[in-house]
Amino acid sequence: MELQVHPLHVPLTSAKDNFFHRAQRIELQARVVLELSERRAMIGNTRDISDSGVFFTIGYPPFHASLQEYGFLHLMPLVGHPPLPCQIARLTDDGVAVRFIDHCPPDLVSELVAKR
C-alpha cells in the first residue's frame, strides 16, 4: 500500500487554539468509534489521520454530540492499544473532526498501516 502525505490546514475551534494548525495527514482508511459520556458513541470511517487529530464520516448529522466535548477514540482493528483521549473540534452534516489531547503515538499509525 502506498501512503500519500499532504499538508492540510485544520481549523481549531477553542479560544486558546484560535489559529490554523498545519498538520501532515496520512491517507488511511480506518474504522473508528468515538466513545462519549452517558454511553453515547459514534462509529465512522476516516480517510486520513495526523498526529494531532482525525476527521471521520458517520453518514448522518451528529446531533447528539457537541463542540468541545471530550471523548475517547478507538481506532480499529487495533487490539491492545488504549483509546485516544480527544476533543470534538468540528461537526459537519455527516462527520466529526476530533483533536487528540496528546499527539497520536507514531507506532499506532504505523501498526494501522501495516494491517491494511
PDB file of N, CA and C in Angstrom:
ATOM      1  N   MET A   1       0.846  -1.180   0.000  1.00  0.00           N
ATOM      2  CA  MET A   1       0.000   0.000   0.000  1.00  0.00           C
ATOM      3  C   MET A   1       0.889   1.240   0.000  1.00  0.00           C
ATOM      4  N   GLU A   2       0.614   2.157  -0.885  1.00  0.00           N
ATOM      5  CA  GLU A   2       1.390   3.391  -0.972  1.00  0.00           C
ATOM      6  C   GLU A   2       0.698   4.476  -0.164  1.00  0.00           C
ATOM      7  N   LEU A   3       1.447   5.121   0.718  1.00  0.00           N
ATOM      8  CA  LEU A   3       0.905   6.211   1.516  1.00  0.00           C
ATOM      9  C   LEU A   3       1.158   7.527   0.821  1.00  0.00           C
ATOM     10  N   GLN A   4       0.187   8.394   0.868  1.00  0.00           N
ATOM     11  CA  GLN A   4       0.344   9.730   0.322  1.00  0.00           C
ATOM     12  C   GLN A   4       0.197  10.710   1.474  1.00  0.00           C
ATOM     13  N   VAL A   5       1.191  11.532   1.679  1.00  0.00           N
ATOM     14  CA  VAL A   5       1.165  12.512   2.757  1.00  0.00           C
ATOM     15  C   VAL A   5       1.015  13.890   2.139  1.00  0.00           C
ATOM     16  N   HIS A   6       0.086  14.654   2.654  1.00  0.00           N
ATOM     17  CA  HIS A   6      -0.107  16.008   2.150  1.00  0.00           C
ATOM     18  C   HIS A   6      -0.472  16.930   3.296  1.00  0.00           C
ATOM     19  N   PRO A   7      -0.091  18.207   3.229  1.00  0.00           N
ATOM     20  CA  PRO A   7      -0.440  19.149   4.287  1.00  0.00           C
ATOM     21  C   PRO A   7      -1.897  19.573   4.156  1.00  0.00           C
ATOM     22  N   LEU A   8      -2.494  19.879   5.277  1.00  0.00           N
ATOM     23  CA  LEU A   8      -3.881  20.313   5.291  1.00  0.00           C
ATOM     24  C   LEU A   8      -4.036  21.322   6.420  1.00  0.00           C
ATOM     25  N   HIS A   9      -4.710  22.421   6.161  1.00  0.00           N
ATOM     26  CA  HIS A   9      -4.987  23.383   7.223  1.00  0.00           C
ATOM     27  C   HIS A   9      -6.211  22.898   7.977  1.00  0.00           C
ATOM     28  N   VAL A  10      -6.045  22.680   9.277  1.00  0.00           N
ATOM     29  CA  VAL A  10      -7.132  22.190  10.111  1.00  0.00           C
ATOM     30  C   VAL A  10      -7.519  23.289  11.088  1.00  0.00           C
ATOM     31  N   PRO A  11      -8.724  23.890  10.942  1.00  0.00           N
ATOM     32  CA  PRO A  11      -9.103  24.939  11.882  1.00  0.00           C
ATOM     33  C   PRO A  11      -9.426  24.341  13.247  1.00  0.00           C
ATOM     34  N   LEU A  12      -8.894  24.942  14.301  1.00  0.00           N
ATOM     35  CA  LEU A  12      -9.205  24.523  15.656  1.00  0.00           C
ATOM     36  C   LEU A  12     -10.172  25.537  16.231  1.00  0.00           C
ATOM     37  N   THR A  13     -11.073  25.091  17.110  1.00  0.00           N
ATOM     38  CA  THR A  13     -12.199  25.941  17.464  1.00  0.00           C
ATOM     39  C   THR A  13     -12.169  26.526  18.866  1.00  0.00           C
ATOM     40  N   SER A  14     -11.279  26.116  19.749  1.00  0.00           N
ATOM     41  CA  SER A  14     -11.296  26.676  21.097  1.00  0.00           C
ATOM     42  C   SER A  14     -10.627  28.052  21.094  1.00  0.00           C
ATOM     43  N   ALA A  15     -10.916  28.842  22.112  1.00  0.00           N
ATOM     44  CA  ALA A  15     -10.360  30.196  22.180  1.00  0.00           C
ATOM     45  C   ALA A  15      -8.837  30.169  22.237  1.00  0.00           C
ATOM     46  N   LYS A  16      -8.268  29.229  22.997  1.00  0.00           N
ATOM     47  CA  LYS A  16      -6.807  29.180  23.101  1.00  0.00           C
ATOM     48  C   LYS A  16      -6.158  28.677  21.820  1.00  0.00           C
ATOM     49  N   ASP A  17      -6.913  28.008  20.961  1.00  0.00           N
ATOM     50  CA  ASP A  17      -6.385  27.486  19.706  1.00  0.00           C
ATOM     51  C   ASP A  17      -6.930  28.260  18.520  1.00  0.00           C
ATOM     52  N   ASN A  18      -7.087  29.544  18.666  1.00  0.00           N
ATOM     53  CA  ASN A  18      -7.686  30.363  17.627  1.00  0.00           C
ATOM     54  C   ASN A  18      -6.649  30.668  16.541  1.00  0.00           C
ATOM     55  N   PHE A  19      -6.247  29.647  15.826  1.00  0.00           N
ATOM     56  CA  PHE A  19      -5.300  29.765  14.729  1.00  0.00           C
ATOM     57  C   PHE A  19      -5.468  28.539  13.839  1.00  0.00           C
ATOM     58  N   PHE A  20      -4.774  28.542  12.711  1.00  0.00           N
ATOM     59  CA  PHE A  20      -4.803  27.381  11.833  1.00  0.00           C
ATOM     60  C   PHE A  20      -3.574  26.534  12.107  1.00  0.00           C
ATOM     61  N   HIS A  21      -3.797  25.275  12.350  1.00  0.00           N
ATOM     62  CA  HIS A  21      -2.714  24.335  12.634  1.00  0.00           C
ATOM     63  C   HIS A  21      -2.416  23.560  11.362  1.00  0.00           C
ATOM     64  N   ARG A  22      -1.154  23.524  10.980  1.00  0.00           N
ATOM     65  CA  ARG A  22      -0.758  22.797   9.774  1.00  0.00           C
ATOM     66  C   ARG A  22      -0.302  21.404  10.185  1.00  0.00           C
ATOM     67  N   ALA A  23      -1.027  20.395   9.755  1.00  0.00           N
ATOM     68  CA  ALA A  23      -0.727  19.019  10.154  1.00  0.00           C
ATOM     69  C   ALA A  23      -0.451  18.161   8.925  1.00  0.00           C
ATOM     70  N   GLN A  24       0.477  17.239   9.057  1.00  0.00           N
ATOM     71  CA  GLN A  24       0.722  16.272   7.988  1.00  0.00           C
ATOM     72  C   GLN A  24      -0.326  15.174   8.096  1.00  0.00           C
ATOM     73  N   ARG A  25      -1.060  14.967   7.025  1.00  0.00           N
ATOM     74  CA  ARG A  25      -2.115  13.956   7.011  1.00  0.00           C
ATOM     75  C   ARG A  25      -1.603  12.726   6.279  1.00  0.00           C
ATOM     76  N   ILE A  26      -1.864  11.557   6.827  1.00  0.00           N
ATOM     77  CA  ILE A  26      -1.532  10.301   6.174  1.00  0.00           C
ATOM     78  C   ILE A  26      -2.838   9.696   5.693  1.00  0.00           C
ATOM     79  N   GLU A  27      -2.958   9.517   4.376  1.00  0.00           N
ATOM     80  CA  GLU A  27      -4.178   8.944   3.824  1.00  0.00           C
ATOM     81  C   GLU A  27      -4.281   7.491   4.251  1.00  0.00           C
ATOM     82  N   LEU A  28      -5.358   7.182   4.971  1.00  0.00           N
ATOM     83  CA  LEU A  28      -5.535   5.858   5.538  1.00  0.00           C
ATOM     84  C   LEU A  28      -7.005   5.647   5.859  1.00  0.00           C
ATOM     85  N   GLN A  29      -7.582   4.594   5.323  1.00  0.00           N
ATOM     86  CA  GLN A  29      -8.963   4.265   5.654  1.00  0.00           C
ATOM     87  C   GLN A  29      -8.955   3.401   6.903  1.00  0.00           C
ATOM     88  N   ALA A  30      -9.668   3.846   7.921  1.00  0.00           N
ATOM     89  CA  ALA A  30      -9.741   3.110   9.175  1.00  0.00           C
ATOM     90  C   ALA A  30     -11.136   3.262   9.762  1.00  0.00           C
ATOM     91  N   ARG A  31     -11.557   2.283  10.498  1.00  0.00           N
ATOM     92  CA  ARG A  31     -12.827   2.315  11.217  1.00  0.00           C
ATOM     93  C   ARG A  31     -12.542   2.901  12.595  1.00  0.00           C
ATOM     94  N   VAL A  32     -13.403   3.787  13.059  1.00  0.00           N
ATOM     95  CA  VAL A  32     -13.223   4.404  14.371  1.00  0.00           C
ATOM     96  C   VAL A  32     -14.524   4.365  15.166  1.00  0.00           C
ATOM     97  N   VAL A  33     -14.379   4.368  16.472  1.00  0.00           N
ATOM     98  CA  VAL A  33     -15.514   4.514  17.381  1.00  0.00           C
ATOM     99  C   VAL A  33     -15.169   5.653  18.328  1.00  0.00           C
ATOM    100  N   LEU A  34     -16.021   6.666  18.366  1.00  0.00           N
ATOM    101  CA  LEU A  34     -15.846   7.772  19.301  1.00  0.00           C
ATOM    102  C   LEU A  34     -16.768   7.516  20.483  1.00  0.00           C
ATOM    103  N   GLU A  35     -16.169   7.277  21.627  1.00  0.00           N
ATOM    104  CA  GLU A  35     -16.907   6.996  22.855  1.00  0.00           C
ATOM    105  C   GLU A  35     -17.094   8.305  23.613  1.00  0.00           C
ATOM    106  N   LEU A  36     -18.350   8.656  23.861  1.00  0.00           N
ATOM    107  CA  LEU A  36     -18.681   9.886  24.584  1.00  0.00           C
ATOM    108  C   LEU A  36     -19.308   9.534  25.930  1.00  0.00           C
ATOM    109  N   SER A  37     -19.599  10.541  26.730  1.00  0.00           N
ATOM    110  CA  SER A  37     -20.211  10.296  28.037  1.00  0.00           C
ATOM    111  C   SER A  37     -21.642   9.777  27.886  1.00  0.00           C
ATOM    112  N   GLU A  38     -22.176   9.288  28.968  1.00  0.00           N
ATOM    113  CA  GLU A  38     -23.560   8.804  29.025  1.00  0.00           C
ATOM    114  C   GLU A  38     -23.833   7.706  28.006  1.00  0.00           C
ATOM    115  N   ARG A  39     -22.840   6.833  27.795  1.00  0.00           N
ATOM    116  CA  ARG A  39     -22.973   5.668  26.911  1.00  0.00           C
ATOM    117  C   ARG A  39     -23.311   6.023  25.465  1.00  0.00           C
ATOM    118  N   ARG A  40     -22.934   7.212  25.038  1.00  0.00           N
ATOM    119  CA  ARG A  40     -23.128   7.606  23.645  1.00  0.00           C
ATOM    120  C   ARG A  40     -21.875   7.263  22.865  1.00  0.00           C
ATOM    121  N   ALA A  41     -22.060   6.879  21.607  1.00  0.00           N
ATOM    122  CA  ALA A  41     -20.914   6.554  20.753  1.00  0.00           C
ATOM    123  C   ALA A  41     -21.286   6.804  19.300  1.00  0.00           C
ATOM    124  N   MET A  42     -20.267   7.062  18.497  1.00  0.00           N
ATOM    125  CA  MET A  42     -20.444   7.214  17.054  1.00  0.00           C
ATOM    126  C   MET A  42     -19.419   6.324  16.367  1.00  0.00           C
ATOM    127  N   ILE A  43     -19.872   5.606  15.354  1.00  0.00           N
ATOM    128  CA  ILE A  43     -18.993   4.741  14.571  1.00  0.00           C
ATOM    129  C   ILE A  43     -18.847   5.367  13.197  1.00  0.00           C
ATOM    130  N   GLY A  44     -17.630   5.424  12.696  1.00  0.00           N
ATOM    131  CA  GLY A  44     -17.417   6.037  11.393  1.00  0.00           C
ATOM    132  C   GLY A  44     -16.177   5.532  10.697  1.00  0.00           C
ATOM    133  N   ASN A  45     -15.885   6.170   9.565  1.00  0.00           N
ATOM    134  CA  ASN A  45     -14.733   5.813   8.734  1.00  0.00           C
ATOM    135  C   ASN A  45     -13.924   7.061   8.437  1.00  0.00           C
ATOM    136  N   THR A  46     -12.614   6.910   8.493  1.00  0.00           N
ATOM    137  CA  THR A  46     -11.725   8.011   8.178  1.00  0.00           C
ATOM    138  C   THR A  46     -10.990   7.736   6.880  1.00  0.00           C
ATOM    139  N   ARG A  47     -10.589   8.812   6.215  1.00  0.00           N
ATOM    140  CA  ARG A  47      -9.777   8.690   5.002  1.00  0.00           C
ATOM    141  C   ARG A  47      -8.327   9.034   5.284  1.00  0.00           C
ATOM    142  N   ASP A  48      -8.092   9.801   6.349  1.00  0.00           N
ATOM    143  CA  ASP A  48      -6.725  10.162   6.712  1.00  0.00           C
ATOM    144  C   ASP A  48      -6.648  10.468   8.203  1.00  0.00           C
ATOM    145  N   ILE A  49      -5.410  10.534   8.685  1.00  0.00           N
ATOM    146  CA  ILE A  49      -5.166  10.765  10.105  1.00  0.00           C
ATOM    147  C   ILE A  49      -3.877  11.569  10.233  1.00  0.00           C
ATOM    148  N   SER A  50      -3.751  12.330  11.306  1.00  0.00           N
ATOM    149  CA  SER A  50      -2.492  13.020  11.600  1.00  0.00           C
ATOM    150  C   SER A  50      -2.161  12.770  13.063  1.00  0.00           C
ATOM    151  N   ASP A  51      -1.018  13.256  13.499  1.00  0.00           N
ATOM    152  CA  ASP A  51      -0.672  13.065  14.907  1.00  0.00           C
ATOM    153  C   ASP A  51      -1.480  13.984  15.815  1.00  0.00           C
ATOM    154  N   SER A  52      -2.201  14.959  15.235  1.00  0.00           N
ATOM    155  CA  SER A  52      -2.972  15.887  16.056  1.00  0.00           C
ATOM    156  C   SER A  52      -4.483  15.660  16.013  1.00  0.00           C
ATOM    157  N   GLY A  53      -4.979  14.879  15.058  1.00  0.00           N
ATOM    158  CA  GLY A  53      -6.411  14.644  15.003  1.00  0.00           C
ATOM    159  C   GLY A  53      -6.843  13.874  13.782  1.00  0.00           C
ATOM    160  N   VAL A  54      -8.162  13.728  13.665  1.00  0.00           N
ATOM    161  CA  VAL A  54      -8.728  12.957  12.566  1.00  0.00           C
ATOM    162  C   VAL A  54     -10.149  13.456  12.290  1.00  0.00           C
ATOM    163  N   PHE A  55     -10.549  13.393  11.024  1.00  0.00           N
ATOM    164  CA  PHE A  55     -11.940  13.647  10.635  1.00  0.00           C
ATOM    165  C   PHE A  55     -12.510  12.324  10.170  1.00  0.00           C
ATOM    166  N   PHE A  56     -13.717  11.995  10.627  1.00  0.00           N
ATOM    167  CA  PHE A  56     -14.356  10.760  10.172  1.00  0.00           C
ATOM    168  C   PHE A  56     -15.816  11.014   9.830  1.00  0.00           C
ATOM    169  N   THR A  57     -16.314  10.267   8.858  1.00  0.00           N
ATOM    170  CA  THR A  57     -17.710  10.391   8.442  1.00  0.00           C
ATOM    171  C   THR A  57     -18.538   9.339   9.163  1.00  0.00           C
ATOM    172  N   ILE A  58     -19.770   9.726   9.501  1.00  0.00           N
ATOM    173  CA  ILE A  58     -20.679   8.803  10.169  1.00  0.00           C
ATOM    174  C   ILE A  58     -21.945   8.550   9.355  1.00  0.00           C
ATOM    175  N   GLY A  59     -22.172   9.352   8.313  1.00  0.00           N
ATOM    176  CA  GLY A  59     -23.309   9.118   7.424  1.00  0.00           C
ATOM    177  C   GLY A  59     -24.610   9.772   7.841  1.00  0.00           C
ATOM    178  N   TYR A  60     -24.595  10.549   8.918  1.00  0.00           N
ATOM    179  CA  TYR A  60     -25.791  11.252   9.381  1.00  0.00           C
ATOM    180  C   TYR A  60     -25.336  12.458  10.210  1.00  0.00           C
ATOM    181  N   PRO A  61     -26.222  13.420  10.453  1.00  0.00           N
ATOM    182  CA  PRO A  61     -25.820  14.573  11.267  1.00  0.00           C
ATOM    183  C   PRO A  61     -25.515  14.141  12.708  1.00  0.00           C
ATOM    184  N   PRO A  62     -24.412  14.585  13.274  1.00  0.00           N
ATOM    185  CA  PRO A  62     -24.045  14.196  14.645  1.00  0.00           C
ATOM    186  C   PRO A  62     -24.802  15.019  15.685  1.00  0.00           C
ATOM    187  N   PHE A  63     -26.119  14.872  15.703  1.00  0.00           N
ATOM    188  CA  PHE A  63     -26.972  15.705  16.538  1.00  0.00           C
ATOM    189  C   PHE A  63     -26.810  15.440  18.035  1.00  0.00           C
ATOM    190  N   HIS A  64     -26.259  14.303  18.430  1.00  0.00           N
ATOM    191  CA  HIS A  64     -26.119  14.001  19.858  1.00  0.00           C
ATOM    192  C   HIS A  64     -24.705  14.284  20.382  1.00  0.00           C
ATOM    193  N   ALA A  65     -23.931  15.074  19.629  1.00  0.00           N
ATOM    194  CA  ALA A  65     -22.585  15.469  20.056  1.00  0.00           C
ATOM    195  C   ALA A  65     -22.505  16.990  20.031  1.00  0.00           C
ATOM    196  N   SER A  66     -21.555  17.532  20.776  1.00  0.00           N
ATOM    197  CA  SER A  66     -21.405  18.987  20.777  1.00  0.00           C
ATOM    198  C   SER A  66     -19.933  19.374  20.693  1.00  0.00           C
ATOM    199  N   LEU A  67     -19.693  20.561  20.145  1.00  0.00           N
ATOM    200  CA  LEU A  67     -18.333  21.086  20.045  1.00  0.00           C
ATOM    201  C   LEU A  67     -17.692  21.151  21.422  1.00  0.00           C
ATOM    202  N   GLN A  68     -16.392  20.921  21.459  1.00  0.00           N
ATOM    203  CA  GLN A  68     -15.584  20.979  22.676  1.00  0.00           C
ATOM    204  C   GLN A  68     -15.820  19.797  23.619  1.00  0.00           C
ATOM    205  N   GLU A  69     -16.726  18.887  23.265  1.00  0.00           N
ATOM    206  CA  GLU A  69     -16.987  17.720  24.112  1.00  0.00           C
ATOM    207  C   GLU A  69     -15.787  16.772  24.073  1.00  0.00           C
ATOM    208  N   TYR A  70     -15.492  16.169  25.215  1.00  0.00           N
ATOM    209  CA  TYR A  70     -14.373  15.237  25.321  1.00  0.00           C
ATOM    210  C   TYR A  70     -14.853  13.802  25.150  1.00  0.00           C
ATOM    211  N   GLY A  71     -13.966  12.960  24.650  1.00  0.00           N
ATOM    212  CA  GLY A  71     -14.289  11.553  24.476  1.00  0.00           C
ATOM    213  C   GLY A  71     -13.031  10.730  24.294  1.00  0.00           C
ATOM    214  N   PHE A  72     -13.227   9.470  23.901  1.00  0.00           N
ATOM    215  CA  PHE A  72     -12.126   8.550  23.630  1.00  0.00           C
ATOM    216  C   PHE A  72     -12.323   7.957  22.251  1.00  0.00           C
ATOM    217  N   LEU A  73     -11.290   8.023  21.431  1.00  0.00           N
ATOM    218  CA  LEU A  73     -11.357   7.500  20.070  1.00  0.00           C
ATOM    219  C   LEU A  73     -10.673   6.137  20.014  1.00  0.00           C
ATOM    220  N   HIS A  74     -11.423   5.139  19.547  1.00  0.00           N
ATOM    221  CA  HIS A  74     -10.904   3.787  19.358  1.00  0.00           C
ATOM    222  C   HIS A  74     -10.626   3.614  17.869  1.00  0.00           C
ATOM    223  N   LEU A  75      -9.398   3.283  17.519  1.00  0.00           N
ATOM    224  CA  LEU A  75      -9.025   3.001  16.130  1.00  0.00           C
ATOM    225  C   LEU A  75      -9.047   1.495  15.927  1.00  0.00           C
ATOM    226  N   MET A  76      -9.728   1.036  14.896  1.00  0.00           N
ATOM    227  CA  MET A  76      -9.820  -0.403  14.657  1.00  0.00           C
ATOM    228  C   MET A  76      -9.078  -0.749  13.378  1.00  0.00           C
ATOM    229  N   PRO A  77      -8.511  -1.885  13.275  1.00  0.00           N
ATOM    230  CA  PRO A  77      -8.710  -3.099  14.077  1.00  0.00           C
ATOM    231  C   PRO A  77      -7.643  -3.301  15.139  1.00  0.00           C
ATOM    232  N   LEU A  78      -7.141  -2.263  15.740  1.00  0.00           N
ATOM    233  CA  LEU A  78      -6.049  -2.399  16.707  1.00  0.00           C
ATOM    234  C   LEU A  78      -6.524  -3.036  18.005  1.00  0.00           C
ATOM    235  N   VAL A  79      -5.746  -3.986  18.474  1.00  0.00           N
ATOM    236  CA  VAL A  79      -6.027  -4.655  19.734  1.00  0.00           C
ATOM    237  C   VAL A  79      -4.855  -4.373  20.665  1.00  0.00           C
ATOM    238  N   GLY A  80      -5.136  -4.076  21.900  1.00  0.00           N
ATOM    239  CA  GLY A  80      -4.069  -3.851  22.858  1.00  0.00           C
ATOM    240  C   GLY A  80      -3.624  -2.409  22.994  1.00  0.00           C
ATOM    241  N   HIS A  81      -4.202  -1.510  22.217  1.00  0.00           N
ATOM    242  CA  HIS A  81      -3.877  -0.089  22.345  1.00  0.00           C
ATOM    243  C   HIS A  81      -5.008   0.602  23.098  1.00  0.00           C
ATOM    244  N   PRO A  82      -4.670   1.476  24.031  1.00  0.00           N
ATOM    245  CA  PRO A  82      -5.726   2.213  24.723  1.00  0.00           C
ATOM    246  C   PRO A  82      -6.375   3.215  23.768  1.00  0.00           C
ATOM    247  N   PRO A  83      -7.634   3.576  24.033  1.00  0.00           N
ATOM    248  CA  PRO A  83      -8.268   4.611  23.204  1.00  0.00           C
ATOM    249  C   PRO A  83      -7.556   5.944  23.401  1.00  0.00           C
ATOM    250  N   LEU A  84      -7.688   6.808  22.401  1.00  0.00           N
ATOM    251  CA  LEU A  84      -7.022   8.113  22.426  1.00  0.00           C
ATOM    252  C   LEU A  84      -7.962   9.176  22.997  1.00  0.00           C
ATOM    253  N   PRO A  85      -7.567   9.855  24.079  1.00  0.00           N
ATOM    254  CA  PRO A  85      -8.381  10.957  24.588  1.00  0.00           C
ATOM    255  C   PRO A  85      -8.433  12.065  23.537  1.00  0.00           C
ATOM    256  N   CYS A  86      -9.623  12.619  23.328  1.00  0.00           N
ATOM    257  CA  CYS A  86      -9.776  13.626  22.275  1.00  0.00           C
ATOM    258  C   CYS A  86     -10.872  14.612  22.633  1.00  0.00           C
ATOM    259  N   GLN A  87     -10.970  15.654  21.803  1.00  0.00           N
ATOM    260  CA  GLN A  87     -11.994  16.680  21.958  1.00  0.00           C
ATOM    261  C   GLN A  87     -12.580  16.972  20.588  1.00  0.00           C
ATOM    262  N   ILE A  88     -13.904  17.111  20.523  1.00  0.00           N
ATOM    263  CA  ILE A  88     -14.564  17.417  19.254  1.00  0.00           C
ATOM    264  C   ILE A  88     -14.209  18.843  18.844  1.00  0.00           C
ATOM    265  N   ALA A  89     -13.638  18.980  17.639  1.00  0.00           N
ATOM    266  CA  ALA A  89     -13.202  20.281  17.140  1.00  0.00           C
ATOM    267  C   ALA A  89     -14.133  20.839  16.073  1.00  0.00           C
ATOM    268  N   ARG A  90     -14.837  19.951  15.357  1.00  0.00           N
ATOM    269  CA  ARG A  90     -15.713  20.406  14.268  1.00  0.00           C
ATOM    270  C   ARG A  90     -16.786  19.360  14.025  1.00  0.00           C
ATOM    271  N   LEU A  91     -17.999  19.822  13.705  1.00  0.00           N
ATOM    272  CA  LEU A  91     -19.114  18.951  13.336  1.00  0.00           C
ATOM    273  C   LEU A  91     -19.610  19.368  11.959  1.00  0.00           C
ATOM    274  N   THR A  92     -19.876  18.392  11.091  1.00  0.00           N
ATOM    275  CA  THR A  92     -20.420  18.679   9.763  1.00  0.00           C
ATOM    276  C   THR A  92     -21.740  17.937   9.607  1.00  0.00           C
ATOM    277  N   ASP A  93     -22.326  18.014   8.411  1.00  0.00           N
ATOM    278  CA  ASP A  93     -23.594  17.334   8.165  1.00  0.00           C
ATOM    279  C   ASP A  93     -23.503  15.820   8.300  1.00  0.00           C
ATOM    280  N   ASP A  94     -22.312  15.260   8.079  1.00  0.00           N
ATOM    281  CA  ASP A  94     -22.195  13.794   8.155  1.00  0.00           C
ATOM    282  C   ASP A  94     -20.896  13.319   8.798  1.00  0.00           C
ATOM    283  N   GLY A  95     -20.256  14.188   9.586  1.00  0.00           N
ATOM    284  CA  GLY A  95     -18.987  13.774  10.168  1.00  0.00           C
ATOM    285  C   GLY A  95     -18.556  14.587  11.370  1.00  0.00           C
ATOM    286  N   VAL A  96     -17.420  14.154  11.919  1.00  0.00           N
ATOM    287  CA  VAL A  96     -16.879  14.744  13.139  1.00  0.00           C
ATOM    288  C   VAL A  96     -15.363  14.859  13.007  1.00  0.00           C
ATOM    289  N   ALA A  97     -14.813  16.000  13.404  1.00  0.00           N
ATOM    290  CA  ALA A  97     -13.358  16.162  13.492  1.00  0.00           C
ATOM    291  C   ALA A  97     -13.001  16.205  14.967  1.00  0.00           C
ATOM    292  N   VAL A  98     -12.024  15.387  15.350  1.00  0.00           N
ATOM    293  CA  VAL A  98     -11.559  15.404  16.732  1.00  0.00           C
ATOM    294  C   VAL A  98     -10.086  15.776  16.774  1.00  0.00           C
ATOM    295  N   ARG A  99      -9.715  16.440  17.835  1.00  0.00           N
ATOM    296  CA  ARG A  99      -8.321  16.809  18.097  1.00  0.00           C
ATOM    297  C   ARG A  99      -7.862  15.931  19.254  1.00  0.00           C
ATOM    298  N   PHE A 100      -6.729  15.256  19.076  1.00  0.00           N
ATOM    299  CA  PHE A 100      -6.197  14.416  20.139  1.00  0.00           C
ATOM    300  C   PHE A 100      -5.677  15.297  21.266  1.00  0.00           C
ATOM    301  N   ILE A 101      -5.950  14.911  22.508  1.00  0.00           N
ATOM    302  CA  ILE A 101      -5.466  15.656  23.667  1.00  0.00           C
ATOM    303  C   ILE A 101      -3.941  15.571  23.723  1.00  0.00           C
ATOM    304  N   ASP A 102      -3.407  14.391  23.579  1.00  0.00           N
ATOM    305  CA  ASP A 102      -1.967  14.172  23.414  1.00  0.00           C
ATOM    306  C   ASP A 102      -1.791  13.721  21.977  1.00  0.00           C
ATOM    307  N   HIS A 103      -0.666  14.016  21.373  1.00  0.00           N
ATOM    308  CA  HIS A 103      -0.464  13.596  19.989  1.00  0.00           C
ATOM    309  C   HIS A 103      -0.580  12.085  19.868  1.00  0.00           C
ATOM    310  N   CYS A 104      -1.089  11.632  18.743  1.00  0.00           N
ATOM    311  CA  CYS A 104      -1.229  10.209  18.453  1.00  0.00           C
ATOM    312  C   CYS A 104       0.164   9.579  18.393  1.00  0.00           C
ATOM    313  N   PRO A 105       0.401   8.470  19.111  1.00  0.00           N
ATOM    314  CA  PRO A 105       1.714   7.821  19.053  1.00  0.00           C
ATOM    315  C   PRO A 105       2.042   7.352  17.636  1.00  0.00           C
ATOM    316  N   PRO A 106       3.252   7.624  17.127  1.00  0.00           N
ATOM    317  CA  PRO A 106       3.616   7.238  15.761  1.00  0.00           C
ATOM    318  C   PRO A 106       3.503   5.741  15.510  1.00  0.00           C
ATOM    319  N   ASP A 107       3.786   4.914  16.528  1.00  0.00           N
ATOM    320  CA  ASP A 107       3.703   3.468  16.331  1.00  0.00           C
ATOM    321  C   ASP A 107       2.272   3.010  16.102  1.00  0.00           C
ATOM    322  N   LEU A 108       1.298   3.766  16.597  1.00  0.00           N
ATOM    323  CA  LEU A 108      -0.103   3.421  16.395  1.00  0.00           C
ATOM    324  C   LEU A 108      -0.477   3.542  14.922  1.00  0.00           C
ATOM    325  N   VAL A 109      -0.084   4.633  14.287  1.00  0.00           N
ATOM    326  CA  VAL A 109      -0.364   4.825  12.863  1.00  0.00           C
ATOM    327  C   VAL A 109       0.390   3.784  12.041  1.00  0.00           C
ATOM    328  N   SER A 110       1.639   3.517  12.395  1.00  0.00           N
ATOM    329  CA  SER A 110       2.428   2.512  11.674  1.00  0.00           C
ATOM    330  C   SER A 110       1.767   1.144  11.734  1.00  0.00           C
ATOM    331  N   GLU A 111       1.240   0.793  12.898  1.00  0.00           N
ATOM    332  CA  GLU A 111       0.572  -0.501  13.039  1.00  0.00           C
ATOM    333  C   GLU A 111      -0.701  -0.559  12.201  1.00  0.00           C
ATOM    334  N   LEU A 112      -1.448   0.547  12.157  1.00  0.00           N
ATOM    335  CA  LEU A 112      -2.649   0.595  11.316  1.00  0.00           C
ATOM    336  C   LEU A 112      -2.294   0.402   9.852  1.00  0.00           C
ATOM    337  N   VAL A 113      -1.239   1.072   9.404  1.00  0.00           N
ATOM    338  CA  VAL A 113      -0.803   0.962   8.013  1.00  0.00           C
ATOM    339  C   VAL A 113      -0.410  -0.475   7.705  1.00  0.00           C
ATOM    340  N   ALA A 114       0.285  -1.124   8.616  1.00  0.00           N
ATOM    341  CA  ALA A 114       0.746  -2.500   8.404  1.00  0.00           C
ATOM    342  C   ALA A 114      -0.414  -3.480   8.309  1.00  0.00           C
ATOM    343  N   LYS A 115      -1.540  -3.189   8.967  1.00  0.00           N
ATOM    344  CA  LYS A 115      -2.689  -4.097   8.953  1.00  0.00           C
ATOM    345  C   LYS A 115      -3.496  -3.987   7.669  1.00  0.00           C
ATOM    346  N   ARG A 116      -3.233  -2.976   6.838  1.00  0.00           N
ATOM    347  CA  ARG A 116      -4.010  -2.781   5.603  1.00  0.00           C
ATOM    348  C   ARG A 116      -3.436  -3.575   4.471  1.00  0.00           C
TER     349      ARG A 116
END
